[in-house]
Amino acid sequence: MDKIITFVDNVGRVIVGQKVKSKDTSIWSIKEPAVVNVQVSQENGQISVQLLPFVFREFISAEAREAGVVWDFNKNNIVTSNNLVLDDNIKTQYENIFTKPVAVAQKQPAPAPVEPEVVKLFDDED
């Protein structure tokens, strides 16, 4: 897997991904970006960090999933660090997101429609 980088986008999300060559000097092309999600436990105050794909792989065609989806970020709208080095646990979590097979749901036939029971509210008097 290519070198994994981190930056902050224009809405304050920390993004982790693989920087690939861009044709435009004002754009960073990032393959397989993931958003860092931080949760604080209400019980003990501990922080847990989780990576969430920018777009879940289950929503993407098999061909695009294999190639890896590339997103373009405008350099003017991101913040970078020259000396940030990611912890190995985060790199492993990132790699696991994009290298493990995607569970594909089997299509089930639609159940036959059920006719609702008719309830008589009034007696029919002819």
N, C-alpha and C. Protein backbone atom coordinates (compact mmCIF):
# COMPACT_ATOMS: atom_id res chain seq x y z
N MET A 1 0.85 -1.18 0.00
CA MET A 1 0.00 0.00 0.00
C MET A 1 0.89 1.23 0.00
N ASP A 2 0.51 2.24 -0.80
CA ASP A 2 1.29 3.47 -0.88
C ASP A 2 1.36 4.17 0.47
N LYS A 3 2.21 5.18 0.53
CA LYS A 3 2.37 5.94 1.77
C LYS A 3 1.04 6.58 2.17
N ILE A 4 0.67 6.39 3.41
CA ILE A 4 -0.58 6.92 3.94
C ILE A 4 -0.31 8.29 4.54
N ILE A 5 -1.13 9.28 4.13
CA ILE A 5 -0.96 10.64 4.63
C ILE A 5 -2.21 11.07 5.40
N THR A 6 -2.07 12.17 6.11
CA THR A 6 -3.17 12.73 6.88
C THR A 6 -3.24 14.23 6.66
N PHE A 7 -4.46 14.76 6.58
CA PHE A 7 -4.66 16.20 6.49
C PHE A 7 -6.03 16.53 7.07
N VAL A 8 -6.28 17.81 7.25
CA VAL A 8 -7.56 18.29 7.75
C VAL A 8 -8.25 19.02 6.60
N ASP A 9 -9.52 18.66 6.33
CA ASP A 9 -10.22 19.31 5.22
C ASP A 9 -10.90 20.59 5.68
N ASN A 10 -11.59 21.24 4.76
CA ASN A 10 -12.16 22.56 5.03
C ASN A 10 -13.32 22.56 6.04
N VAL A 11 -13.84 21.41 6.41
CA VAL A 11 -14.89 21.36 7.43
C VAL A 11 -14.38 20.77 8.74
N GLY A 12 -13.06 20.60 8.85
CA GLY A 12 -12.46 20.16 10.10
C GLY A 12 -12.34 18.67 10.29
N ARG A 13 -12.62 17.89 9.25
CA ARG A 13 -12.46 16.43 9.37
C ARG A 13 -11.01 16.06 9.15
N VAL A 14 -10.51 15.14 9.96
CA VAL A 14 -9.18 14.60 9.74
C VAL A 14 -9.34 13.46 8.74
N ILE A 15 -8.62 13.55 7.63
CA ILE A 15 -8.70 12.58 6.54
C ILE A 15 -7.39 11.81 6.45
N VAL A 16 -7.50 10.50 6.31
CA VAL A 16 -6.36 9.62 6.12
C VAL A 16 -6.53 8.98 4.74
N GLY A 17 -5.46 8.93 3.95
CA GLY A 17 -5.57 8.31 2.63
C GLY A 17 -4.23 8.22 1.95
N GLN A 18 -4.27 7.74 0.71
CA GLN A 18 -3.05 7.59 -0.09
C GLN A 18 -3.01 8.69 -1.13
N LYS A 19 -1.97 9.51 -1.08
CA LYS A 19 -1.84 10.59 -2.06
C LYS A 19 -1.33 9.99 -3.37
N VAL A 20 -2.03 10.30 -4.46
CA VAL A 20 -1.62 9.84 -5.78
C VAL A 20 -1.35 11.06 -6.64
N LYS A 21 -0.69 10.86 -7.77
CA LYS A 21 -0.35 11.99 -8.63
C LYS A 21 -1.60 12.65 -9.15
N SER A 22 -1.56 13.97 -9.15
CA SER A 22 -2.67 14.77 -9.64
C SER A 22 -2.22 15.52 -10.88
N LYS A 23 -3.13 15.72 -11.81
CA LYS A 23 -2.82 16.47 -13.04
C LYS A 23 -2.85 17.96 -12.79
N ASP A 24 -3.48 18.38 -11.71
CA ASP A 24 -3.65 19.80 -11.40
C ASP A 24 -2.82 20.13 -10.16
N THR A 25 -2.02 21.18 -10.22
CA THR A 25 -1.16 21.53 -9.09
C THR A 25 -1.93 22.11 -7.91
N SER A 26 -3.19 22.48 -8.10
CA SER A 26 -3.97 23.02 -7.00
C SER A 26 -4.83 21.96 -6.32
N ILE A 27 -4.67 20.70 -6.75
CA ILE A 27 -5.49 19.60 -6.24
C ILE A 27 -4.62 18.52 -5.63
N TRP A 28 -5.07 17.94 -4.52
CA TRP A 28 -4.48 16.72 -3.99
C TRP A 28 -5.44 15.60 -4.33
N SER A 29 -4.98 14.60 -5.06
CA SER A 29 -5.80 13.43 -5.37
C SER A 29 -5.49 12.37 -4.32
N ILE A 30 -6.54 11.94 -3.60
CA ILE A 30 -6.38 11.00 -2.50
C ILE A 30 -7.16 9.73 -2.80
N LYS A 31 -6.45 8.62 -2.82
CA LYS A 31 -7.07 7.32 -3.07
C LYS A 31 -7.54 6.74 -1.74
N GLU A 32 -8.76 6.25 -1.74
CA GLU A 32 -9.36 5.58 -0.58
C GLU A 32 -9.29 6.42 0.70
N PRO A 33 -9.83 7.65 0.68
CA PRO A 33 -9.80 8.45 1.91
C PRO A 33 -10.71 7.86 2.99
N ALA A 34 -10.32 8.09 4.22
CA ALA A 34 -11.11 7.68 5.38
C ALA A 34 -11.13 8.84 6.37
N VAL A 35 -12.22 8.97 7.09
CA VAL A 35 -12.40 10.04 8.06
C VAL A 35 -12.11 9.49 9.45
N VAL A 36 -11.34 10.25 10.23
CA VAL A 36 -11.06 9.84 11.61
C VAL A 36 -12.26 10.24 12.46
N ASN A 37 -12.84 9.24 13.13
CA ASN A 37 -13.99 9.46 14.00
C ASN A 37 -13.54 9.24 15.45
N VAL A 38 -13.71 10.26 16.28
CA VAL A 38 -13.29 10.18 17.68
C VAL A 38 -14.54 10.14 18.54
N GLN A 39 -14.61 9.17 19.44
CA GLN A 39 -15.72 9.06 20.37
C GLN A 39 -15.20 9.08 21.79
N VAL A 40 -15.92 9.79 22.66
CA VAL A 40 -15.56 9.86 24.07
C VAL A 40 -16.59 9.07 24.85
N SER A 41 -16.13 8.14 25.67
CA SER A 41 -17.02 7.35 26.51
C SER A 41 -17.58 8.22 27.63
N GLN A 42 -18.89 8.24 27.77
CA GLN A 42 -19.53 9.02 28.83
C GLN A 42 -19.25 8.43 30.21
N GLU A 43 -18.99 7.13 30.25
CA GLU A 43 -18.79 6.44 31.53
C GLU A 43 -17.42 6.75 32.15
N ASN A 44 -16.36 6.67 31.33
CA ASN A 44 -15.02 6.80 31.90
C ASN A 44 -14.17 7.89 31.24
N GLY A 45 -14.71 8.58 30.25
CA GLY A 45 -13.98 9.66 29.60
C GLY A 45 -12.90 9.20 28.63
N GLN A 46 -12.79 7.90 28.40
CA GLN A 46 -11.77 7.41 27.47
C GLN A 46 -12.16 7.75 26.03
N ILE A 47 -11.14 7.96 25.22
CA ILE A 47 -11.34 8.30 23.82
C ILE A 47 -11.05 7.06 22.97
N SER A 48 -11.93 6.82 21.99
CA SER A 48 -11.67 5.75 21.03
C SER A 48 -11.63 6.38 19.64
N VAL A 49 -10.75 5.87 18.81
CA VAL A 49 -10.56 6.40 17.46
C VAL A 49 -10.94 5.30 16.48
N GLN A 50 -11.74 5.70 15.49
CA GLN A 50 -12.18 4.75 14.48
C GLN A 50 -12.07 5.43 13.13
N LEU A 51 -11.66 4.69 12.12
CA LEU A 51 -11.63 5.22 10.75
C LEU A 51 -12.88 4.78 10.01
N LEU A 52 -13.52 5.73 9.35
CA LEU A 52 -14.70 5.43 8.54
C LEU A 52 -14.40 5.78 7.10
N PRO A 53 -14.68 4.89 6.16
CA PRO A 53 -14.44 5.22 4.76
C PRO A 53 -15.21 6.46 4.35
N PHE A 54 -14.62 7.27 3.47
CA PHE A 54 -15.29 8.47 2.96
C PHE A 54 -16.63 8.07 2.35
N VAL A 55 -16.63 6.98 1.59
CA VAL A 55 -17.84 6.34 1.07
C VAL A 55 -17.68 4.85 1.31
N PHE A 56 -18.69 4.23 1.88
CA PHE A 56 -18.59 2.81 2.19
C PHE A 56 -18.41 1.99 0.93
N ARG A 57 -17.54 1.02 1.00
CA ARG A 57 -17.19 0.21 -0.17
C ARG A 57 -18.38 -0.57 -0.70
N GLU A 58 -19.33 -0.88 0.15
CA GLU A 58 -20.52 -1.62 -0.27
C GLU A 58 -21.37 -0.82 -1.26
N PHE A 59 -21.20 0.50 -1.31
CA PHE A 59 -21.96 1.35 -2.22
C PHE A 59 -21.31 1.47 -3.59
N ILE A 60 -20.12 0.92 -3.76
CA ILE A 60 -19.31 1.12 -4.95
C ILE A 60 -19.30 -0.16 -5.79
N SER A 61 -19.30 -0.01 -7.10
CA SER A 61 -19.25 -1.18 -7.98
C SER A 61 -17.98 -1.97 -7.73
N ALA A 62 -18.03 -3.25 -8.04
CA ALA A 62 -16.88 -4.12 -7.81
C ALA A 62 -15.65 -3.65 -8.58
N GLU A 63 -15.83 -3.14 -9.80
CA GLU A 63 -14.71 -2.69 -10.61
C GLU A 63 -14.04 -1.48 -9.97
N ALA A 64 -14.82 -0.50 -9.54
CA ALA A 64 -14.26 0.70 -8.89
C ALA A 64 -13.63 0.34 -7.56
N ARG A 65 -14.22 -0.60 -6.86
CA ARG A 65 -13.69 -1.04 -5.57
C ARG A 65 -12.30 -1.64 -5.76
N GLU A 66 -12.13 -2.46 -6.80
CA GLU A 66 -10.83 -3.08 -7.07
C GLU A 66 -9.78 -2.05 -7.42
N ALA A 67 -10.13 -1.07 -8.23
CA ALA A 67 -9.18 -0.04 -8.65
C ALA A 67 -8.87 0.94 -7.53
N GLY A 68 -9.84 1.17 -6.66
CA GLY A 68 -9.68 2.16 -5.59
C GLY A 68 -10.19 3.51 -6.05
N VAL A 69 -11.09 4.09 -5.28
CA VAL A 69 -11.70 5.36 -5.65
C VAL A 69 -10.79 6.51 -5.24
N VAL A 70 -10.60 7.46 -6.15
CA VAL A 70 -9.74 8.63 -5.92
C VAL A 70 -10.63 9.86 -5.81
N TRP A 71 -10.40 10.65 -4.78
CA TRP A 71 -11.12 11.90 -4.55
C TRP A 71 -10.15 13.06 -4.68
N ASP A 72 -10.62 14.18 -5.19
CA ASP A 72 -9.78 15.38 -5.35
C ASP A 72 -10.13 16.40 -4.27
N PHE A 73 -9.09 16.88 -3.59
CA PHE A 73 -9.23 17.90 -2.55
C PHE A 73 -8.44 19.13 -2.99
N ASN A 74 -9.07 20.30 -2.93
CA ASN A 74 -8.42 21.54 -3.30
C ASN A 74 -7.37 21.89 -2.23
N LYS A 75 -6.13 22.13 -2.66
CA LYS A 75 -5.05 22.45 -1.72
C LYS A 75 -5.34 23.68 -0.89
N ASN A 76 -6.12 24.62 -1.43
CA ASN A 76 -6.45 25.83 -0.70
C ASN A 76 -7.42 25.58 0.45
N ASN A 77 -8.04 24.40 0.48
CA ASN A 77 -9.04 24.10 1.49
C ASN A 77 -8.61 23.02 2.47
N ILE A 78 -7.33 22.71 2.51
CA ILE A 78 -6.87 21.68 3.45
C ILE A 78 -5.69 22.21 4.27
N VAL A 79 -5.47 21.56 5.39
CA VAL A 79 -4.35 21.90 6.26
C VAL A 79 -3.50 20.65 6.39
N THR A 80 -2.19 20.81 6.25
CA THR A 80 -1.28 19.67 6.33
C THR A 80 -0.23 19.90 7.41
N SER A 81 0.48 18.83 7.74
CA SER A 81 1.58 18.89 8.70
C SER A 81 2.82 18.30 8.04
N ASN A 82 3.95 18.92 8.25
CA ASN A 82 5.20 18.42 7.67
C ASN A 82 5.86 17.32 8.49
N ASN A 83 5.45 17.18 9.77
CA ASN A 83 6.15 16.20 10.60
C ASN A 83 5.22 15.22 11.33
N LEU A 84 4.00 15.07 10.87
CA LEU A 84 3.08 14.11 11.47
C LEU A 84 3.43 12.71 11.01
N VAL A 85 3.58 11.79 11.95
CA VAL A 85 3.83 10.39 11.64
C VAL A 85 2.72 9.59 12.32
N LEU A 86 1.96 8.85 11.52
CA LEU A 86 0.84 8.08 12.07
C LEU A 86 1.32 6.87 12.85
N ASP A 87 0.58 6.55 13.90
CA ASP A 87 0.83 5.35 14.70
C ASP A 87 0.53 4.11 13.85
N ASP A 88 1.27 3.04 14.09
CA ASP A 88 1.08 1.81 13.32
C ASP A 88 -0.33 1.25 13.45
N ASN A 89 -0.97 1.43 14.62
CA ASN A 89 -2.34 0.92 14.80
C ASN A 89 -3.31 1.58 13.84
N ILE A 90 -3.16 2.88 13.62
CA ILE A 90 -4.03 3.59 12.68
C ILE A 90 -3.76 3.13 11.25
N LYS A 91 -2.49 2.95 10.90
CA LYS A 91 -2.15 2.47 9.56
C LYS A 91 -2.76 1.08 9.32
N THR A 92 -2.66 0.22 10.32
CA THR A 92 -3.21 -1.14 10.19
C THR A 92 -4.72 -1.08 10.04
N GLN A 93 -5.39 -0.24 10.85
CA GLN A 93 -6.84 -0.09 10.75
C GLN A 93 -7.22 0.40 9.35
N TYR A 94 -6.48 1.37 8.84
CA TYR A 94 -6.74 1.90 7.50
C TYR A 94 -6.58 0.79 6.46
N GLU A 95 -5.49 0.07 6.51
CA GLU A 95 -5.23 -0.99 5.54
C GLU A 95 -6.31 -2.07 5.60
N ASN A 96 -6.77 -2.40 6.81
CA ASN A 96 -7.81 -3.41 6.95
C ASN A 96 -9.13 -2.99 6.31
N ILE A 97 -9.43 -1.70 6.37
CA ILE A 97 -10.67 -1.21 5.78
C ILE A 97 -10.67 -1.46 4.27
N PHE A 98 -9.54 -1.22 3.63
CA PHE A 98 -9.51 -1.24 2.17
C PHE A 98 -8.92 -2.51 1.56
N THR A 99 -8.45 -3.45 2.38
CA THR A 99 -7.91 -4.69 1.82
C THR A 99 -8.76 -5.91 2.13
N LYS A 100 -9.59 -5.84 3.15
CA LYS A 100 -10.43 -6.99 3.47
C LYS A 100 -11.58 -7.07 2.48
N PRO A 101 -12.02 -8.30 2.16
CA PRO A 101 -13.13 -8.43 1.21
C PRO A 101 -14.41 -7.80 1.75
N VAL A 102 -15.20 -7.30 0.83
CA VAL A 102 -16.48 -6.69 1.19
C VAL A 102 -17.54 -7.77 1.22
N ALA A 103 -18.33 -7.77 2.28
CA ALA A 103 -19.45 -8.71 2.36
C ALA A 103 -20.53 -8.24 1.40
N VAL A 104 -20.90 -9.11 0.50
CA VAL A 104 -21.92 -8.75 -0.49
C VAL A 104 -23.21 -9.43 -0.08
N ALA A 105 -24.24 -8.64 0.08
CA ALA A 105 -25.54 -9.18 0.47
C ALA A 105 -26.13 -9.95 -0.70
N GLN A 106 -26.67 -11.10 -0.41
CA GLN A 106 -27.35 -11.90 -1.42
C GLN A 106 -28.74 -11.33 -1.63
N LYS A 107 -29.14 -11.21 -2.88
CA LYS A 107 -30.48 -10.69 -3.17
C LYS A 107 -31.50 -11.77 -2.84
N GLN A 108 -32.44 -11.40 -2.02
CA GLN A 108 -33.53 -12.29 -1.64
C GLN A 108 -34.75 -11.95 -2.47
N PRO A 109 -35.53 -12.96 -2.85
CA PRO A 109 -36.76 -12.63 -3.58
C PRO A 109 -37.70 -11.85 -2.66
N ALA A 110 -38.43 -10.94 -3.24
CA ALA A 110 -39.36 -10.15 -2.45
C ALA A 110 -40.48 -11.05 -1.95
N PRO A 111 -40.87 -10.86 -0.68
CA PRO A 111 -41.95 -11.70 -0.17
C PRO A 111 -43.26 -11.37 -0.90
N ALA A 112 -44.10 -12.39 -1.01
CA ALA A 112 -45.39 -12.19 -1.66
C ALA A 112 -46.21 -11.21 -0.84
N PRO A 113 -46.94 -10.33 -1.52
CA PRO A 113 -47.74 -9.36 -0.76
C PRO A 113 -48.83 -10.08 0.02
N VAL A 114 -49.08 -9.58 1.21
CA VAL A 114 -50.09 -10.16 2.08
C VAL A 114 -51.31 -9.25 2.05
N GLU A 115 -52.45 -9.85 1.79
CA GLU A 115 -53.70 -9.08 1.77
C GLU A 115 -54.11 -8.78 3.21
N PRO A 116 -54.37 -7.51 3.51
CA PRO A 116 -54.78 -7.19 4.88
C PRO A 116 -56.18 -7.75 5.15
N GLU A 117 -56.40 -8.08 6.40
CA GLU A 117 -57.70 -8.61 6.81
C GLU A 117 -58.72 -7.48 6.78
N VAL A 118 -59.88 -7.78 6.24
CA VAL A 118 -60.95 -6.79 6.17
C VAL A 118 -61.73 -6.85 7.48
N VAL A 119 -61.89 -5.70 8.10
CA VAL A 119 -62.63 -5.62 9.34
C VAL A 119 -63.92 -4.85 9.06
N LYS A 120 -65.04 -5.45 9.43
CA LYS A 120 -66.33 -4.79 9.21
C LYS A 120 -66.61 -3.90 10.40
N LEU A 121 -66.80 -2.64 10.15
CA LEU A 121 -67.10 -1.70 11.22
C LEU A 121 -68.59 -1.56 11.44
N PHE A 122 -69.39 -1.77 10.42
CA PHE A 122 -70.83 -1.63 10.53
C PHE A 122 -71.47 -2.86 9.91
N ASP A 123 -72.60 -3.23 10.47
CA ASP A 123 -73.35 -4.35 9.87
C ASP A 123 -74.01 -3.85 8.61
N ASP A 124 -73.93 -4.68 7.59
CA ASP A 124 -74.58 -4.34 6.34
C ASP A 124 -76.07 -4.70 6.47
N GLU A 125 -76.93 -3.71 6.36
CA GLU A 125 -78.35 -3.96 6.40
C GLU A 125 -78.94 -3.59 5.05
N ASP A 126 -79.51 -4.56 4.40
CA ASP A 126 -80.11 -4.30 3.08
C ASP A 126 -81.58 -4.13 3.19
